[in-house]
PDB file of N, CA and C in Angstrom:
ATOM      1  N   MET A   1     -22.601   7.325  11.254  1.00  0.00           N
ATOM      2  CA  MET A   1     -22.332   6.553  12.431  1.00  0.00           C
ATOM      3  C   MET A   1     -20.827   6.776  12.888  1.00  0.00           C
ATOM      4  N   ILE A   2     -19.943   6.791  11.933  1.00  0.00           N
ATOM      5  CA  ILE A   2     -18.459   6.977  12.254  1.00  0.00           C
ATOM      6  C   ILE A   2     -18.307   8.333  12.967  1.00  0.00           C
ATOM      7  N   ASP A   3     -18.917   9.413  12.392  1.00  0.00           N
ATOM      8  CA  ASP A   3     -18.807  10.707  13.034  1.00  0.00           C
ATOM      9  C   ASP A   3     -19.301  10.692  14.518  1.00  0.00           C
ATOM     10  N   GLU A   4     -20.433  10.021  14.668  1.00  0.00           N
ATOM     11  CA  GLU A   4     -21.016   9.941  16.006  1.00  0.00           C
ATOM     12  C   GLU A   4     -20.067   9.178  17.002  1.00  0.00           C
ATOM     13  N   LEU A   5     -19.495   8.110  16.544  1.00  0.00           N
ATOM     14  CA  LEU A   5     -18.631   7.316  17.416  1.00  0.00           C
ATOM     15  C   LEU A   5     -17.317   8.085  17.647  1.00  0.00           C
ATOM     16  N   LYS A   6     -16.886   8.822  16.727  1.00  0.00           N
ATOM     17  CA  LYS A   6     -15.624   9.696  16.952  1.00  0.00           C
ATOM     18  C   LYS A   6     -15.882  10.613  18.087  1.00  0.00           C
ATOM     19  N   LEU A   7     -17.082  11.135  18.303  1.00  0.00           N
ATOM     20  CA  LEU A   7     -17.364  12.014  19.456  1.00  0.00           C
ATOM     21  C   LEU A   7     -17.166  11.329  20.755  1.00  0.00           C
ATOM     22  N   ASN A   8     -17.262  10.013  20.766  1.00  0.00           N
ATOM     23  CA  ASN A   8     -17.023   9.195  21.959  1.00  0.00           C
ATOM     24  C   ASN A   8     -15.576   8.594  22.044  1.00  0.00           C
ATOM     25  N   ARG A   9     -14.695   9.264  21.293  1.00  0.00           N
ATOM     26  CA  ARG A   9     -13.247   8.945  21.218  1.00  0.00           C
ATOM     27  C   ARG A   9     -12.949   7.596  20.550  1.00  0.00           C
ATOM     28  N   TRP A  10     -13.781   7.187  19.661  1.00  0.00           N
ATOM     29  CA  TRP A  10     -13.532   5.999  18.835  1.00  0.00           C
ATOM     30  C   TRP A  10     -12.519   6.454  17.790  1.00  0.00           C
ATOM     31  N   THR A  11     -11.656   5.523  17.280  1.00  0.00           N
ATOM     32  CA  THR A  11     -10.730   5.856  16.222  1.00  0.00           C
ATOM     33  C   THR A  11     -10.899   4.750  15.188  1.00  0.00           C
ATOM     34  N   PHE A  12     -10.925   5.156  13.890  1.00  0.00           N
ATOM     35  CA  PHE A  12     -11.052   4.245  12.796  1.00  0.00           C
ATOM     36  C   PHE A  12      -9.872   4.412  11.859  1.00  0.00           C
ATOM     37  N   THR A  13      -9.558   3.278  11.272  1.00  0.00           N
ATOM     38  CA  THR A  13      -8.432   3.246  10.319  1.00  0.00           C
ATOM     39  C   THR A  13      -8.931   2.512   9.034  1.00  0.00           C
ATOM     40  N   TYR A  14      -8.620   3.084   7.896  1.00  0.00           N
ATOM     41  CA  TYR A  14      -8.916   2.448   6.613  1.00  0.00           C
ATOM     42  C   TYR A  14      -7.643   2.011   5.990  1.00  0.00           C
ATOM     43  N   ILE A  15      -7.458   0.735   5.725  1.00  0.00           N
ATOM     44  CA  ILE A  15      -6.284   0.164   5.100  1.00  0.00           C
ATOM     45  C   ILE A  15      -6.679  -0.443   3.754  1.00  0.00           C
ATOM     46  N   GLY A  16      -6.037  -0.066   2.709  1.00  0.00           N
ATOM     47  CA  GLY A  16      -6.443  -0.606   1.397  1.00  0.00           C
ATOM     48  C   GLY A  16      -5.366  -0.533   0.329  1.00  0.00           C
ATOM     49  N   ALA A  17      -5.658  -1.246  -0.775  1.00  0.00           N
ATOM     50  CA  ALA A  17      -4.754  -1.240  -1.876  1.00  0.00           C
ATOM     51  C   ALA A  17      -5.596  -1.263  -3.154  1.00  0.00           C
ATOM     52  N   ASP A  18      -4.981  -0.886  -4.266  1.00  0.00           N
ATOM     53  CA  ASP A  18      -5.656  -0.918  -5.652  1.00  0.00           C
ATOM     54  C   ASP A  18      -6.815   0.059  -5.782  1.00  0.00           C
ATOM     55  N   HIS A  19      -6.858   1.113  -5.005  1.00  0.00           N
ATOM     56  CA  HIS A  19      -7.847   2.142  -5.246  1.00  0.00           C
ATOM     57  C   HIS A  19      -7.406   3.423  -4.462  1.00  0.00           C
ATOM     58  N   ASP A  20      -8.149   4.525  -4.613  1.00  0.00           N
ATOM     59  CA  ASP A  20      -7.808   5.780  -3.945  1.00  0.00           C
ATOM     60  C   ASP A  20      -8.264   5.665  -2.496  1.00  0.00           C
ATOM     61  N   VAL A  21      -7.370   5.209  -1.637  1.00  0.00           N
ATOM     62  CA  VAL A  21      -7.614   4.937  -0.293  1.00  0.00           C
ATOM     63  C   VAL A  21      -8.063   6.203   0.457  1.00  0.00           C
ATOM     64  N   GLU A  22      -7.305   7.310   0.233  1.00  0.00           N
ATOM     65  CA  GLU A  22      -7.627   8.489   0.964  1.00  0.00           C
ATOM     66  C   GLU A  22      -8.997   9.062   0.597  1.00  0.00           C
ATOM     67  N   LYS A  23      -9.272   9.014  -0.677  1.00  0.00           N
ATOM     68  CA  LYS A  23     -10.581   9.560  -1.171  1.00  0.00           C
ATOM     69  C   LYS A  23     -11.715   8.736  -0.570  1.00  0.00           C
ATOM     70  N   PHE A  24     -11.603   7.400  -0.623  1.00  0.00           N
ATOM     71  CA  PHE A  24     -12.703   6.598  -0.128  1.00  0.00           C
ATOM     72  C   PHE A  24     -12.820   6.748   1.420  1.00  0.00           C
ATOM     73  N   ALA A  25     -11.731   6.773   2.118  1.00  0.00           N
ATOM     74  CA  ALA A  25     -11.756   6.930   3.560  1.00  0.00           C
ATOM     75  C   ALA A  25     -12.409   8.239   3.928  1.00  0.00           C
ATOM     76  N   ALA A  26     -12.058   9.305   3.230  1.00  0.00           N
ATOM     77  CA  ALA A  26     -12.626  10.589   3.487  1.00  0.00           C
ATOM     78  C   ALA A  26     -14.192  10.557   3.284  1.00  0.00           C
ATOM     79  N   SER A  27     -14.620   9.809   2.290  1.00  0.00           N
ATOM     80  CA  SER A  27     -16.015   9.722   1.979  1.00  0.00           C
ATOM     81  C   SER A  27     -16.832   9.049   3.080  1.00  0.00           C
ATOM     82  N   ILE A  28     -16.139   8.335   3.960  1.00  0.00           N
ATOM     83  CA  ILE A  28     -16.838   7.695   5.114  1.00  0.00           C
ATOM     84  C   ILE A  28     -16.322   8.265   6.459  1.00  0.00           C
ATOM     85  N   SER A  29     -15.693   9.480   6.374  1.00  0.00           N
ATOM     86  CA  SER A  29     -15.257  10.199   7.579  1.00  0.00           C
ATOM     87  C   SER A  29     -14.056   9.578   8.303  1.00  0.00           C
ATOM     88  N   ILE A  30     -13.257   8.845   7.634  1.00  0.00           N
ATOM     89  CA  ILE A  30     -12.088   8.266   8.222  1.00  0.00           C
ATOM     90  C   ILE A  30     -10.808   9.018   7.810  1.00  0.00           C
ATOM     91  N   THR A  31     -10.000   9.448   8.781  1.00  0.00           N
ATOM     92  CA  THR A  31      -8.797  10.223   8.464  1.00  0.00           C
ATOM     93  C   THR A  31      -7.510   9.392   8.611  1.00  0.00           C
ATOM     94  N   ASN A  32      -7.555   8.338   9.322  1.00  0.00           N
ATOM     95  CA  ASN A  32      -6.346   7.422   9.472  1.00  0.00           C
ATOM     96  C   ASN A  32      -6.377   6.470   8.328  1.00  0.00           C
ATOM     97  N   THR A  33      -5.327   6.489   7.483  1.00  0.00           N
ATOM     98  CA  THR A  33      -5.285   5.612   6.304  1.00  0.00           C
ATOM     99  C   THR A  33      -3.909   5.046   6.161  1.00  0.00           C
ATOM    100  N   ILE A  34      -3.906   3.877   5.551  1.00  0.00           N
ATOM    101  CA  ILE A  34      -2.667   3.309   5.021  1.00  0.00           C
ATOM    102  C   ILE A  34      -2.967   2.653   3.706  1.00  0.00           C
ATOM    103  N   HIS A  35      -2.106   3.033   2.724  1.00  0.00           N
ATOM    104  CA  HIS A  35      -2.222   2.481   1.416  1.00  0.00           C
ATOM    105  C   HIS A  35      -1.002   1.593   1.184  1.00  0.00           C
ATOM    106  N   PHE A  36      -1.164   0.509   0.509  1.00  0.00           N
ATOM    107  CA  PHE A  36      -0.001  -0.387   0.311  1.00  0.00           C
ATOM    108  C   PHE A  36      -0.177  -1.092  -1.025  1.00  0.00           C
ATOM    109  N   GLN A  37       0.856  -1.551  -1.623  1.00  0.00           N
ATOM    110  CA  GLN A  37       0.857  -2.427  -2.827  1.00  0.00           C
ATOM    111  C   GLN A  37       0.688  -3.835  -2.431  1.00  0.00           C
ATOM    112  N   LYS A  38      -0.033  -4.587  -3.186  1.00  0.00           N
ATOM    113  CA  LYS A  38      -0.285  -5.993  -2.845  1.00  0.00           C
ATOM    114  C   LYS A  38       0.940  -6.895  -3.323  1.00  0.00           C
ATOM    115  N   ASN A  39       1.904  -6.882  -2.386  1.00  0.00           N
ATOM    116  CA  ASN A  39       3.028  -7.810  -2.533  1.00  0.00           C
ATOM    117  C   ASN A  39       3.602  -8.055  -1.159  1.00  0.00           C
ATOM    118  N   GLU A  40       4.318  -9.140  -1.028  1.00  0.00           N
ATOM    119  CA  GLU A  40       4.797  -9.574   0.296  1.00  0.00           C
ATOM    120  C   GLU A  40       5.538  -8.483   1.044  1.00  0.00           C
ATOM    121  N   ALA A  41       6.502  -7.833   0.411  1.00  0.00           N
ATOM    122  CA  ALA A  41       7.303  -6.784   1.056  1.00  0.00           C
ATOM    123  C   ALA A  41       6.441  -5.676   1.550  1.00  0.00           C
ATOM    124  N   ASN A  42       5.587  -5.163   0.708  1.00  0.00           N
ATOM    125  CA  ASN A  42       4.693  -4.055   1.092  1.00  0.00           C
ATOM    126  C   ASN A  42       3.715  -4.412   2.183  1.00  0.00           C
ATOM    127  N   MET A  43       3.243  -5.615   2.197  1.00  0.00           N
ATOM    128  CA  MET A  43       2.319  -6.065   3.247  1.00  0.00           C
ATOM    129  C   MET A  43       3.002  -6.174   4.563  1.00  0.00           C
ATOM    130  N   LYS A  44       4.272  -6.650   4.586  1.00  0.00           N
ATOM    131  CA  LYS A  44       5.049  -6.685   5.818  1.00  0.00           C
ATOM    132  C   LYS A  44       5.279  -5.333   6.343  1.00  0.00           C
ATOM    133  N   ALA A  45       5.658  -4.391   5.421  1.00  0.00           N
ATOM    134  CA  ALA A  45       5.938  -2.991   5.772  1.00  0.00           C
ATOM    135  C   ALA A  45       4.687  -2.360   6.344  1.00  0.00           C
ATOM    136  N   MET A  46       3.567  -2.644   5.715  1.00  0.00           N
ATOM    137  CA  MET A  46       2.299  -2.017   6.182  1.00  0.00           C
ATOM    138  C   MET A  46       1.897  -2.487   7.584  1.00  0.00           C
ATOM    139  N   PHE A  47       2.045  -3.778   7.885  1.00  0.00           N
ATOM    140  CA  PHE A  47       1.755  -4.316   9.195  1.00  0.00           C
ATOM    141  C   PHE A  47       2.731  -3.765  10.179  1.00  0.00           C
ATOM    142  N   ALA A  48       3.975  -3.594   9.862  1.00  0.00           N
ATOM    143  CA  ALA A  48       4.975  -3.046  10.783  1.00  0.00           C
ATOM    144  C   ALA A  48       4.612  -1.597  11.104  1.00  0.00           C
ATOM    145  N   ARG A  49       4.223  -0.856  10.062  1.00  0.00           N
ATOM    146  CA  ARG A  49       3.876   0.570  10.248  1.00  0.00           C
ATOM    147  C   ARG A  49       2.609   0.684  11.135  1.00  0.00           C
ATOM    148  N   GLU A  50       1.631  -0.174  10.870  1.00  0.00           N
ATOM    149  CA  GLU A  50       0.415  -0.129  11.645  1.00  0.00           C
ATOM    150  C   GLU A  50       0.699  -0.459  13.084  1.00  0.00           C
ATOM    151  N   SER A  51       1.509  -1.456  13.342  1.00  0.00           N
ATOM    152  CA  SER A  51       1.816  -1.829  14.726  1.00  0.00           C
ATOM    153  C   SER A  51       2.554  -0.697  15.480  1.00  0.00           C
ATOM    154  N   SER A  52       3.544  -0.092  14.776  1.00  0.00           N
ATOM    155  CA  SER A  52       4.268   1.030  15.367  1.00  0.00           C
ATOM    156  C   SER A  52       3.376   2.175  15.668  1.00  0.00           C
ATOM    157  N   SER A  53       2.521   2.531  14.695  1.00  0.00           N
ATOM    158  CA  SER A  53       1.664   3.684  14.842  1.00  0.00           C
ATOM    159  C   SER A  53       0.617   3.450  15.943  1.00  0.00           C
ATOM    160  N   ARG A  54       0.111   2.224  16.011  1.00  0.00           N
ATOM    161  CA  ARG A  54      -0.851   1.931  17.100  1.00  0.00           C
ATOM    162  C   ARG A  54      -0.158   1.981  18.446  1.00  0.00           C
ATOM    163  N   ALA A  55       1.061   1.637  18.570  1.00  0.00           N
ATOM    164  CA  ALA A  55       1.797   1.752  19.865  1.00  0.00           C
ATOM    165  C   ALA A  55       1.960   3.218  20.204  1.00  0.00           C
ATOM    166  N   ASN A  56       2.314   4.116  19.266  1.00  0.00           N
ATOM    167  CA  ASN A  56       2.398   5.508  19.456  1.00  0.00           C
ATOM    168  C   ASN A  56       1.081   6.121  19.849  1.00  0.00           C
ATOM    169  N   TYR A  57       0.047   5.664  19.212  1.00  0.00           N
ATOM    170  CA  TYR A  57      -1.296   6.136  19.500  1.00  0.00           C
ATOM    171  C   TYR A  57      -1.684   5.801  20.916  1.00  0.00           C
ATOM    172  N   SER A  58      -1.452   4.520  21.334  1.00  0.00           N
ATOM    173  CA  SER A  58      -1.735   4.106  22.695  1.00  0.00           C
ATOM    174  C   SER A  58      -0.954   4.922  23.707  1.00  0.00           C
ATOM    175  N   GLN A  59       0.268   5.237  23.414  1.00  0.00           N
ATOM    176  CA  GLN A  59       1.085   6.029  24.300  1.00  0.00           C
ATOM    177  C   GLN A  59       0.482   7.431  24.434  1.00  0.00           C
ATOM    178  N   LYS A  60       0.001   8.022  23.323  1.00  0.00           N
ATOM    179  CA  LYS A  60      -0.619   9.312  23.382  1.00  0.00           C
ATOM    180  C   LYS A  60      -1.872   9.309  24.330  1.00  0.00           C
ATOM    181  N   ILE A  61      -2.655   8.204  24.199  1.00  0.00           N
ATOM    182  CA  ILE A  61      -3.800   8.063  25.086  1.00  0.00           C
ATOM    183  C   ILE A  61      -3.398   8.013  26.556  1.00  0.00           C
ATOM    184  N   ARG A  62      -2.373   7.223  26.864  1.00  0.00           N
ATOM    185  CA  ARG A  62      -1.874   7.138  28.242  1.00  0.00           C
ATOM    186  C   ARG A  62      -1.431   8.511  28.755  1.00  0.00           C
ATOM    187  N   GLU A  63      -0.850   9.259  27.877  1.00  0.00           N
ATOM    188  CA  GLU A  63      -0.332  10.604  28.279  1.00  0.00           C
ATOM    189  C   GLU A  63      -1.401  11.693  28.137  1.00  0.00           C
ATOM    190  N   LYS A  64      -2.593  11.302  27.790  1.00  0.00           N
ATOM    191  CA  LYS A  64      -3.736  12.222  27.643  1.00  0.00           C
ATOM    192  C   LYS A  64      -3.456  13.336  26.583  1.00  0.00           C
ATOM    193  N   LYS A  65      -2.719  12.937  25.510  1.00  0.00           N
ATOM    194  CA  LYS A  65      -2.480  13.849  24.464  1.00  0.00           C
ATOM    195  C   LYS A  65      -3.600  13.775  23.346  1.00  0.00           C
ATOM    196  N   ASP A  66      -3.626  14.763  22.483  1.00  0.00           N
ATOM    197  CA  ASP A  66      -4.557  14.777  21.401  1.00  0.00           C
ATOM    198  C   ASP A  66      -4.335  13.612  20.436  1.00  0.00           C
ATOM    199  N   THR A  67      -5.366  12.872  20.107  1.00  0.00           N
ATOM    200  CA  THR A  67      -5.277  11.737  19.129  1.00  0.00           C
ATOM    201  C   THR A  67      -6.119  11.961  17.935  1.00  0.00           C
ATOM    202  N   SER A  68      -6.575  13.193  17.691  1.00  0.00           N
ATOM    203  CA  SER A  68      -7.504  13.442  16.630  1.00  0.00           C
ATOM    204  C   SER A  68      -6.865  13.518  15.236  1.00  0.00           C
ATOM    205  N   ASP A  69      -5.536  13.644  15.195  1.00  0.00           N
ATOM    206  CA  ASP A  69      -4.857  13.673  13.885  1.00  0.00           C
ATOM    207  C   ASP A  69      -4.620  12.321  13.301  1.00  0.00           C
ATOM    208  N   ASP A  70      -4.293  12.275  12.028  1.00  0.00           N
ATOM    209  CA  ASP A  70      -3.969  10.989  11.395  1.00  0.00           C
ATOM    210  C   ASP A  70      -2.682  10.430  11.965  1.00  0.00           C
ATOM    211  N   PHE A  71      -2.778   9.477  12.815  1.00  0.00           N
ATOM    212  CA  PHE A  71      -1.572   8.969  13.487  1.00  0.00           C
ATOM    213  C   PHE A  71      -0.639   8.201  12.598  1.00  0.00           C
ATOM    214  N   TYR A  72      -1.019   7.868  11.435  1.00  0.00           N
ATOM    215  CA  TYR A  72      -0.159   7.186  10.476  1.00  0.00           C
ATOM    216  C   TYR A  72       0.731   8.181   9.763  1.00  0.00           C
ATOM    217  N   ASN A  73       0.468   9.397   9.886  1.00  0.00           N
ATOM    218  CA  ASN A  73       1.351  10.478   9.324  1.00  0.00           C
ATOM    219  C   ASN A  73       2.245  11.086  10.387  1.00  0.00           C
ATOM    220  N   ASP A  74       2.219  10.614  11.651  1.00  0.00           N
ATOM    221  CA  ASP A  74       3.075  11.076  12.729  1.00  0.00           C
ATOM    222  C   ASP A  74       4.498  10.685  12.401  1.00  0.00           C
ATOM    223  N   ASP A  75       5.416  11.627  12.594  1.00  0.00           N
ATOM    224  CA  ASP A  75       6.782  11.293  12.257  1.00  0.00           C
ATOM    225  C   ASP A  75       7.357  10.059  13.070  1.00  0.00           C
ATOM    226  N   ASP A  76       6.850   9.904  14.283  1.00  0.00           N
ATOM    227  CA  ASP A  76       7.350   8.729  15.081  1.00  0.00           C
ATOM    228  C   ASP A  76       6.950   7.394  14.398  1.00  0.00           C
ATOM    229  N   SER A  77       5.912   7.379  13.661  1.00  0.00           N
ATOM    230  CA  SER A  77       5.458   6.070  13.058  1.00  0.00           C
ATOM    231  C   SER A  77       6.231   5.729  11.864  1.00  0.00           C
ATOM    232  N   LYS A  78       7.094   6.629  11.376  1.00  0.00           N
ATOM    233  CA  LYS A  78       7.893   6.436  10.125  1.00  0.00           C
ATOM    234  C   LYS A  78       9.240   5.890  10.445  1.00  0.00           C
ATOM    235  N   LYS A  79       9.641   5.782  11.729  1.00  0.00           N
ATOM    236  CA  LYS A  79      10.955   5.352  12.128  1.00  0.00           C
ATOM    237  C   LYS A  79      11.129   3.856  11.925  1.00  0.00           C
TER     238      LYS A  79
END
């Protein structure tokens, strides 16, 4: 279902802790991932990163740029 929806420009993100996030996300066809440690500082950092990355992603959509890559690995989202 995820692969089908991706053809219609849907984007999925898998956010997780305490397991192999990338491996599980790949098993369900999700390429946008965030892994974090379960503590207050890491949770705050994860939400800040997610928010920044989502803003960059939305900007790419407005500019009609490619959004098929993992936007959490975009250099702009790490600032």
